[in-house]
PDB file of N, CA and C in Angstrom:
ATOM      1  N   MET A   1      42.148  22.801  -0.256  1.00  0.00           N
ATOM      2  CA  MET A   1      42.950  21.784   0.379  1.00  0.00           C
ATOM      3  C   MET A   1      42.044  20.644   0.839  1.00  0.00           C
ATOM      4  N   ALA A   2      42.509  19.431   0.774  1.00  0.00           N
ATOM      5  CA  ALA A   2      41.721  18.245   1.106  1.00  0.00           C
ATOM      6  C   ALA A   2      41.632  18.061   2.613  1.00  0.00           C
ATOM      7  N   GLU A   3      40.548  17.441   3.021  1.00  0.00           N
ATOM      8  CA  GLU A   3      40.349  17.164   4.444  1.00  0.00           C
ATOM      9  C   GLU A   3      41.117  15.901   4.812  1.00  0.00           C
ATOM     10  N   ILE A   4      41.759  15.917   5.966  1.00  0.00           N
ATOM     11  CA  ILE A   4      42.531  14.770   6.429  1.00  0.00           C
ATOM     12  C   ILE A   4      41.557  13.751   7.022  1.00  0.00           C
ATOM     13  N   VAL A   5      41.689  12.502   6.592  1.00  0.00           N
ATOM     14  CA  VAL A   5      40.784  11.442   7.021  1.00  0.00           C
ATOM     15  C   VAL A   5      41.593  10.384   7.748  1.00  0.00           C
ATOM     16  N   ASN A   6      41.132  10.038   8.937  1.00  0.00           N
ATOM     17  CA  ASN A   6      41.747   8.950   9.684  1.00  0.00           C
ATOM     18  C   ASN A   6      41.184   7.645   9.120  1.00  0.00           C
ATOM     19  N   LEU A   7      42.030   6.854   8.495  1.00  0.00           N
ATOM     20  CA  LEU A   7      41.570   5.649   7.811  1.00  0.00           C
ATOM     21  C   LEU A   7      41.012   4.610   8.778  1.00  0.00           C
ATOM     22  N   ARG A   8      41.555   4.541   9.960  1.00  0.00           N
ATOM     23  CA  ARG A   8      41.061   3.590  10.957  1.00  0.00           C
ATOM     24  C   ARG A   8      39.625   3.939  11.334  1.00  0.00           C
ATOM     25  N   ARG A   9      39.358   5.225  11.574  1.00  0.00           N
ATOM     26  CA  ARG A   9      37.996   5.654  11.915  1.00  0.00           C
ATOM     27  C   ARG A   9      37.040   5.447  10.745  1.00  0.00           C
ATOM     28  N   ALA A  10      37.503   5.712   9.544  1.00  0.00           N
ATOM     29  CA  ALA A  10      36.656   5.521   8.364  1.00  0.00           C
ATOM     30  C   ALA A  10      36.308   4.049   8.186  1.00  0.00           C
ATOM     31  N   ARG A  11      37.283   3.174   8.407  1.00  0.00           N
ATOM     32  CA  ARG A  11      37.034   1.735   8.292  1.00  0.00           C
ATOM     33  C   ARG A  11      36.034   1.273   9.345  1.00  0.00           C
ATOM     34  N   LYS A  12      36.217   1.723  10.580  1.00  0.00           N
ATOM     35  CA  LYS A  12      35.307   1.335  11.651  1.00  0.00           C
ATOM     36  C   LYS A  12      33.896   1.872  11.398  1.00  0.00           C
ATOM     37  N   ARG A  13      33.806   3.091  10.880  1.00  0.00           N
ATOM     38  CA  ARG A  13      32.498   3.667  10.573  1.00  0.00           C
ATOM     39  C   ARG A  13      31.817   2.859   9.472  1.00  0.00           C
ATOM     40  N   ALA A  14      32.567   2.439   8.465  1.00  0.00           N
ATOM     41  CA  ALA A  14      32.005   1.628   7.382  1.00  0.00           C
ATOM     42  C   ALA A  14      31.534   0.274   7.907  1.00  0.00           C
ATOM     43  N   GLU A  15      32.294  -0.323   8.816  1.00  0.00           N
ATOM     44  CA  GLU A  15      31.885  -1.598   9.412  1.00  0.00           C
ATOM     45  C   GLU A  15      30.626  -1.439  10.242  1.00  0.00           C
ATOM     46  N   ARG A  16      30.536  -0.353  11.002  1.00  0.00           N
ATOM     47  CA  ARG A  16      29.324  -0.100  11.796  1.00  0.00           C
ATOM     48  C   ARG A  16      28.116   0.092  10.897  1.00  0.00           C
ATOM     49  N   ASP A  17      28.289   0.830   9.807  1.00  0.00           N
ATOM     50  CA  ASP A  17      27.184   1.045   8.877  1.00  0.00           C
ATOM     51  C   ASP A  17      26.728  -0.267   8.244  1.00  0.00           C
ATOM     52  N   ALA A  18      27.688  -1.107   7.873  1.00  0.00           N
ATOM     53  CA  ALA A  18      27.352  -2.407   7.288  1.00  0.00           C
ATOM     54  C   ALA A  18      26.635  -3.285   8.312  1.00  0.00           C
ATOM     55  N   ALA A  19      27.088  -3.263   9.551  1.00  0.00           N
ATOM     56  CA  ALA A  19      26.446  -4.052  10.608  1.00  0.00           C
ATOM     57  C   ALA A  19      25.029  -3.555  10.861  1.00  0.00           C
ATOM     58  N   ALA A  20      24.837  -2.253  10.836  1.00  0.00           N
ATOM     59  CA  ALA A  20      23.501  -1.698  11.040  1.00  0.00           C
ATOM     60  C   ALA A  20      22.570  -2.095   9.901  1.00  0.00           C
ATOM     61  N   GLU A  21      23.099  -2.130   8.689  1.00  0.00           N
ATOM     62  CA  GLU A  21      22.288  -2.540   7.542  1.00  0.00           C
ATOM     63  C   GLU A  21      21.905  -4.013   7.652  1.00  0.00           C
ATOM     64  N   ARG A  22      22.853  -4.860   8.052  1.00  0.00           N
ATOM     65  CA  ARG A  22      22.555  -6.287   8.247  1.00  0.00           C
ATOM     66  C   ARG A  22      21.524  -6.466   9.355  1.00  0.00           C
ATOM     67  N   ALA A  23      21.642  -5.702  10.431  1.00  0.00           N
ATOM     68  CA  ALA A  23      20.698  -5.810  11.542  1.00  0.00           C
ATOM     69  C   ALA A  23      19.296  -5.404  11.095  1.00  0.00           C
ATOM     70  N   ALA A  24      19.188  -4.354  10.296  1.00  0.00           N
ATOM     71  CA  ALA A  24      17.884  -3.924   9.797  1.00  0.00           C
ATOM     72  C   ALA A  24      17.276  -5.012   8.906  1.00  0.00           C
ATOM     73  N   HIS A  25      18.101  -5.628   8.076  1.00  0.00           N
ATOM     74  CA  HIS A  25      17.621  -6.698   7.209  1.00  0.00           C
ATOM     75  C   HIS A  25      17.143  -7.888   8.048  1.00  0.00           C
ATOM     76  N   ASN A  26      17.892  -8.249   9.085  1.00  0.00           N
ATOM     77  CA  ASN A  26      17.501  -9.367   9.944  1.00  0.00           C
ATOM     78  C   ASN A  26      16.245  -9.058  10.742  1.00  0.00           C
ATOM     79  N   ARG A  27      16.059  -7.799  11.133  1.00  0.00           N
ATOM     80  CA  ARG A  27      14.833  -7.433  11.845  1.00  0.00           C
ATOM     81  C   ARG A  27      13.617  -7.631  10.951  1.00  0.00           C
ATOM     82  N   VAL A  28      13.774  -7.361   9.674  1.00  0.00           N
ATOM     83  CA  VAL A  28      12.664  -7.563   8.745  1.00  0.00           C
ATOM     84  C   VAL A  28      12.382  -9.056   8.593  1.00  0.00           C
ATOM     85  N   LEU A  29      13.438  -9.859   8.458  1.00  0.00           N
ATOM     86  CA  LEU A  29      13.252 -11.296   8.261  1.00  0.00           C
ATOM     87  C   LEU A  29      12.732 -12.001   9.502  1.00  0.00           C
ATOM     88  N   HIS A  30      13.270 -11.662  10.647  1.00  0.00           N
ATOM     89  CA  HIS A  30      12.959 -12.384  11.884  1.00  0.00           C
ATOM     90  C   HIS A  30      12.347 -11.444  12.916  1.00  0.00           C
ATOM     91  N   GLY A  31      11.498 -10.547  12.464  1.00  0.00           N
ATOM     92  CA  GLY A  31      11.051  -9.450  13.312  1.00  0.00           C
ATOM     93  C   GLY A  31      10.054  -9.792  14.394  1.00  0.00           C
ATOM     94  N   THR A  32       9.183 -10.755  14.197  1.00  0.00           N
ATOM     95  CA  THR A  32       8.146 -10.985  15.184  1.00  0.00           C
ATOM     96  C   THR A  32       8.620 -11.968  16.245  1.00  0.00           C
ATOM     97  N   PRO A  33       8.420 -11.631  17.509  1.00  0.00           N
ATOM     98  CA  PRO A  33       8.795 -12.556  18.585  1.00  0.00           C
ATOM     99  C   PRO A  33       7.889 -13.785  18.580  1.00  0.00           C
ATOM    100  N   LYS A  34       8.350 -14.832  19.209  1.00  0.00           N
ATOM    101  CA  LYS A  34       7.607 -16.090  19.228  1.00  0.00           C
ATOM    102  C   LYS A  34       6.253 -15.920  19.906  1.00  0.00           C
ATOM    103  N   ALA A  35       6.188 -15.150  20.965  1.00  0.00           N
ATOM    104  CA  ALA A  35       4.921 -14.950  21.668  1.00  0.00           C
ATOM    105  C   ALA A  35       3.898 -14.279  20.752  1.00  0.00           C
ATOM    106  N   GLU A  36       4.337 -13.317  19.974  1.00  0.00           N
ATOM    107  CA  GLU A  36       3.429 -12.633  19.056  1.00  0.00           C
ATOM    108  C   GLU A  36       2.974 -13.567  17.931  1.00  0.00           C
ATOM    109  N   ARG A  37       3.889 -14.397  17.416  1.00  0.00           N
ATOM    110  CA  ARG A  37       3.518 -15.356  16.364  1.00  0.00           C
ATOM    111  C   ARG A  37       2.488 -16.355  16.879  1.00  0.00           C
ATOM    112  N   THR A  38       2.679 -16.852  18.096  1.00  0.00           N
ATOM    113  CA  THR A  38       1.719 -17.820  18.646  1.00  0.00           C
ATOM    114  C   THR A  38       0.377 -17.157  18.911  1.00  0.00           C
ATOM    115  N   LEU A  39       0.387 -15.899  19.351  1.00  0.00           N
ATOM    116  CA  LEU A  39      -0.858 -15.175  19.589  1.00  0.00           C
ATOM    117  C   LEU A  39      -1.621 -14.981  18.277  1.00  0.00           C
ATOM    118  N   ILE A  40      -0.928 -14.615  17.221  1.00  0.00           N
ATOM    119  CA  ILE A  40      -1.568 -14.437  15.915  1.00  0.00           C
ATOM    120  C   ILE A  40      -2.142 -15.760  15.425  1.00  0.00           C
ATOM    121  N   ALA A  41      -1.389 -16.850  15.587  1.00  0.00           N
ATOM    122  CA  ALA A  41      -1.865 -18.167  15.151  1.00  0.00           C
ATOM    123  C   ALA A  41      -3.093 -18.588  15.953  1.00  0.00           C
ATOM    124  N   ALA A  42      -3.091 -18.333  17.259  1.00  0.00           N
ATOM    125  CA  ALA A  42      -4.229 -18.701  18.097  1.00  0.00           C
ATOM    126  C   ALA A  42      -5.468 -17.898  17.720  1.00  0.00           C
ATOM    127  N   ARG A  43      -5.298 -16.611  17.449  1.00  0.00           N
ATOM    128  CA  ARG A  43      -6.442 -15.785  17.042  1.00  0.00           C
ATOM    129  C   ARG A  43      -6.991 -16.240  15.699  1.00  0.00           C
ATOM    130  N   LYS A  44      -6.100 -16.617  14.778  1.00  0.00           N
ATOM    131  CA  LYS A  44      -6.538 -17.082  13.469  1.00  0.00           C
ATOM    132  C   LYS A  44      -7.318 -18.383  13.610  1.00  0.00           C
ATOM    133  N   GLU A  45      -6.806 -19.301  14.422  1.00  0.00           N
ATOM    134  CA  GLU A  45      -7.491 -20.574  14.635  1.00  0.00           C
ATOM    135  C   GLU A  45      -8.852 -20.366  15.280  1.00  0.00           C
ATOM    136  N   LEU A  46      -8.937 -19.462  16.240  1.00  0.00           N
ATOM    137  CA  LEU A  46     -10.200 -19.168  16.911  1.00  0.00           C
ATOM    138  C   LEU A  46     -11.221 -18.599  15.939  1.00  0.00           C
ATOM    139  N   SER A  47     -10.793 -17.680  15.086  1.00  0.00           N
ATOM    140  CA  SER A  47     -11.729 -17.093  14.133  1.00  0.00           C
ATOM    141  C   SER A  47     -12.163 -18.117  13.091  1.00  0.00           C
ATOM    142  N   GLU A  48     -11.261 -18.987  12.645  1.00  0.00           N
ATOM    143  CA  GLU A  48     -11.640 -20.035  11.693  1.00  0.00           C
ATOM    144  C   GLU A  48     -12.614 -21.017  12.328  1.00  0.00           C
ATOM    145  N   ARG A  49     -12.394 -21.363  13.583  1.00  0.00           N
ATOM    146  CA  ARG A  49     -13.296 -22.279  14.279  1.00  0.00           C
ATOM    147  C   ARG A  49     -14.678 -21.651  14.425  1.00  0.00           C
ATOM    148  N   ALA A  50     -14.739 -20.364  14.756  1.00  0.00           N
ATOM    149  CA  ALA A  50     -16.023 -19.675  14.898  1.00  0.00           C
ATOM    150  C   ALA A  50     -16.746 -19.614  13.562  1.00  0.00           C
ATOM    151  N   LEU A  51     -16.001 -19.396  12.480  1.00  0.00           N
ATOM    152  CA  LEU A  51     -16.601 -19.358  11.154  1.00  0.00           C
ATOM    153  C   LEU A  51     -17.153 -20.727  10.765  1.00  0.00           C
ATOM    154  N   ASP A  52     -16.403 -21.788  11.055  1.00  0.00           N
ATOM    155  CA  ASP A  52     -16.867 -23.133  10.733  1.00  0.00           C
ATOM    156  C   ASP A  52     -18.105 -23.515  11.541  1.00  0.00           C
ATOM    157  N   GLN A  53     -18.237 -23.020  12.740  1.00  0.00           N
ATOM    158  CA  GLN A  53     -19.402 -23.336  13.567  1.00  0.00           C
ATOM    159  C   GLN A  53     -20.677 -22.708  13.011  1.00  0.00           C
ATOM    160  N   HIS A  54     -20.560 -21.621  12.278  1.00  0.00           N
ATOM    161  CA  HIS A  54     -21.733 -20.944  11.733  1.00  0.00           C
ATOM    162  C   HIS A  54     -22.038 -21.330  10.291  1.00  0.00           C
ATOM    163  N   ARG A  55     -21.320 -22.320   9.772  1.00  0.00           N
ATOM    164  CA  ARG A  55     -21.546 -22.787   8.408  1.00  0.00           C
ATOM    165  C   ARG A  55     -22.833 -23.607   8.331  1.00  0.00           C
ATOM    166  N   LEU A  56     -23.543 -23.432   7.236  1.00  0.00           N
ATOM    167  CA  LEU A  56     -24.780 -24.209   7.029  1.00  0.00           C
ATOM    168  C   LEU A  56     -24.458 -25.438   6.199  1.00  0.00           C
ATOM    169  N   GLU A  57     -24.968 -26.573   6.638  1.00  0.00           N
ATOM    170  CA  GLU A  57     -24.777 -27.820   5.914  1.00  0.00           C
ATOM    171  C   GLU A  57     -25.982 -28.001   4.990  1.00  0.00           C
ATOM    172  N   THR A  58     -25.760 -27.988   3.684  1.00  0.00           N
ATOM    173  CA  THR A  58     -26.865 -28.140   2.732  1.00  0.00           C
ATOM    174  C   THR A  58     -26.880 -29.520   2.121  1.00  0.00           C
ATOM    175  N   GLY A  59     -25.768 -30.196   2.038  1.00  0.00           N
ATOM    176  CA  GLY A  59     -25.716 -31.537   1.486  1.00  0.00           C
ATOM    177  C   GLY A  59     -25.669 -31.549  -0.030  1.00  0.00           C
ATOM    178  N   GLU A  60     -25.576 -30.406  -0.673  1.00  0.00           N
ATOM    179  CA  GLU A  60     -25.560 -30.353  -2.126  1.00  0.00           C
ATOM    180  C   GLU A  60     -24.188 -30.705  -2.701  1.00  0.00           C
ATOM    181  N   GLY A  61     -23.152 -30.573  -1.956  1.00  0.00           N
ATOM    182  CA  GLY A  61     -21.801 -30.804  -2.457  1.00  0.00           C
ATOM    183  C   GLY A  61     -21.446 -32.268  -2.611  1.00  0.00           C
ATOM    184  N   GLU A  62     -22.239 -33.148  -2.080  1.00  0.00           N
ATOM    185  CA  GLU A  62     -21.894 -34.575  -2.100  1.00  0.00           C
ATOM    186  C   GLU A  62     -22.503 -35.312  -3.242  1.00  0.00           C
TER     187      GLU A  62
END
């Protein structure tokens, strides 16, 4: 014998599952907070500046 399914509950469960999938996709796309992005950018800039300060100028490229 078949199991009785409440269609309203099944519809709501499907909507919740779809919403959870969309939320997971959005977390991947927009996952990093602004503070973390600025911190990463600042660290990258600092390391690039430190690297440029230790560069040797040879004058051969000109």
